[in-house]
Amino acid sequence: MAMRIVVIVFLVAIVASLASALVFLFRDQGRDSRRMVKALAVRVGLSALLFVLLAAGYYSGLITDKL
């Protein structure tokens, strides 16, 4: 049950980071887009961390067939 909550929190954080990058894209309008790049980098980092967490959870037995 705890692993399910962790995965959902990660997914919400990934979507929030993607949404903030979209807001920065429209707000900055092509000027200095460092904020957008930083938000997208956070999203990629969270996605990679979620993948590693899921793989480690599967191999350690925390994640069974039914998540």
C-alpha atoms as a PDB file:
ATOM      1  CA  MET A   1       0.000   0.000   0.000  1.00  0.00           C
ATOM      2  CA  ALA A   2       2.817   2.407   0.826  1.00  0.00           C
ATOM      3  CA  MET A   3       4.509   1.753  -2.501  1.00  0.00           C
ATOM      4  CA  ARG A   4       1.296   2.669  -4.315  1.00  0.00           C
ATOM      5  CA  ILE A   5       1.164   6.012  -2.501  1.00  0.00           C
ATOM      6  CA  VAL A   6       4.815   6.727  -3.316  1.00  0.00           C
ATOM      7  CA  VAL A   7       4.218   6.010  -7.013  1.00  0.00           C
ATOM      8  CA  ILE A   8       1.147   8.257  -7.087  1.00  0.00           C
ATOM      9  CA  VAL A   9       3.049  11.078  -5.364  1.00  0.00           C
ATOM     10  CA  PHE A  10       5.860  10.771  -7.916  1.00  0.00           C
ATOM     11  CA  LEU A  11       3.389  10.828 -10.818  1.00  0.00           C
ATOM     12  CA  VAL A  12       1.674  13.933  -9.443  1.00  0.00           C
ATOM     13  CA  ALA A  13       5.052  15.644  -9.000  1.00  0.00           C
ATOM     14  CA  ILE A  14       6.034  14.755 -12.587  1.00  0.00           C
ATOM     15  CA  VAL A  15       2.801  16.190 -13.985  1.00  0.00           C
ATOM     16  CA  ALA A  16       3.164  19.309 -11.815  1.00  0.00           C
ATOM     17  CA  SER A  17       6.686  19.868 -13.097  1.00  0.00           C
ATOM     18  CA  LEU A  18       5.500  19.466 -16.669  1.00  0.00           C
ATOM     19  CA  ALA A  19       2.669  21.933 -16.063  1.00  0.00           C
ATOM     20  CA  SER A  20       5.046  24.465 -14.553  1.00  0.00           C
ATOM     21  CA  ALA A  21       7.290  24.160 -17.612  1.00  0.00           C
ATOM     22  CA  LEU A  22       4.276  24.922 -19.792  1.00  0.00           C
ATOM     23  CA  VAL A  23       3.466  27.981 -17.700  1.00  0.00           C
ATOM     24  CA  PHE A  24       7.069  29.183 -17.964  1.00  0.00           C
ATOM     25  CA  LEU A  25       6.993  28.636 -21.720  1.00  0.00           C
ATOM     26  CA  PHE A  26       3.987  30.921 -22.123  1.00  0.00           C
ATOM     27  CA  ARG A  27       5.072  33.443 -19.513  1.00  0.00           C
ATOM     28  CA  ASP A  28       8.633  33.904 -20.795  1.00  0.00           C
ATOM     29  CA  GLN A  29       7.646  33.748 -24.504  1.00  0.00           C
ATOM     30  CA  GLY A  30      11.000  32.711 -25.903  1.00  0.00           C
ATOM     31  CA  ARG A  31      13.159  35.085 -23.911  1.00  0.00           C
ATOM     32  CA  ASP A  32      15.347  33.561 -21.230  1.00  0.00           C
ATOM     33  CA  SER A  33      13.840  30.072 -20.866  1.00  0.00           C
ATOM     34  CA  ARG A  34      16.081  28.791 -18.075  1.00  0.00           C
ATOM     35  CA  ARG A  35      13.099  28.289 -15.795  1.00  0.00           C
ATOM     36  CA  MET A  36      11.416  26.064 -18.357  1.00  0.00           C
ATOM     37  CA  VAL A  37      14.588  24.053 -18.910  1.00  0.00           C
ATOM     38  CA  LYS A  38      15.031  23.649 -15.163  1.00  0.00           C
ATOM     39  CA  ALA A  39      11.423  22.466 -14.748  1.00  0.00           C
ATOM     40  CA  LEU A  40      11.863  19.942 -17.561  1.00  0.00           C
ATOM     41  CA  ALA A  41      15.138  18.747 -16.033  1.00  0.00           C
ATOM     42  CA  VAL A  42      13.334  18.196 -12.728  1.00  0.00           C
ATOM     43  CA  ARG A  43      10.674  16.192 -14.584  1.00  0.00           C
ATOM     44  CA  VAL A  44      13.285  14.001 -16.262  1.00  0.00           C
ATOM     45  CA  GLY A  45      15.061  13.473 -12.944  1.00  0.00           C
ATOM     46  CA  LEU A  46      11.822  12.518 -11.201  1.00  0.00           C
ATOM     47  CA  SER A  47      10.934  10.126 -14.019  1.00  0.00           C
ATOM     48  CA  ALA A  48      14.327   8.435 -13.829  1.00  0.00           C
ATOM     49  CA  LEU A  49      14.107   8.211 -10.046  1.00  0.00           C
ATOM     50  CA  LEU A  50      10.626   6.690 -10.305  1.00  0.00           C
ATOM     51  CA  PHE A  51      11.909   4.105 -12.771  1.00  0.00           C
ATOM     52  CA  VAL A  52      14.777   3.152 -10.450  1.00  0.00           C
ATOM     53  CA  LEU A  53      12.402   3.039  -7.485  1.00  0.00           C
ATOM     54  CA  LEU A  54       9.999   0.751  -9.352  1.00  0.00           C
ATOM     55  CA  ALA A  55      12.809  -1.553 -10.465  1.00  0.00           C
ATOM     56  CA  ALA A  56      14.267  -1.729  -6.947  1.00  0.00           C
ATOM     57  CA  GLY A  57      10.835  -2.348  -5.469  1.00  0.00           C
ATOM     58  CA  TYR A  58      10.159  -5.158  -7.924  1.00  0.00           C
ATOM     59  CA  TYR A  59      13.500  -6.873  -7.331  1.00  0.00           C
ATOM     60  CA  SER A  60      13.264  -6.528  -3.558  1.00  0.00           C
ATOM     61  CA  GLY A  61       9.737  -7.930  -3.490  1.00  0.00           C
ATOM     62  CA  LEU A  62       7.952  -4.770  -2.351  1.00  0.00           C
ATOM     63  CA  ILE A  63       6.048  -4.735  -5.628  1.00  0.00           C
ATOM     64  CA  THR A  64       4.175  -7.873  -6.507  1.00  0.00           C
ATOM     65  CA  ASP A  65       2.088  -8.585  -9.579  1.00  0.00           C
ATOM     66  CA  LYS A  66      -0.665  -6.318  -8.316  1.00  0.00           C
ATOM     67  CA  LEU A  67       0.402  -2.773  -7.550  1.00  0.00           C
END
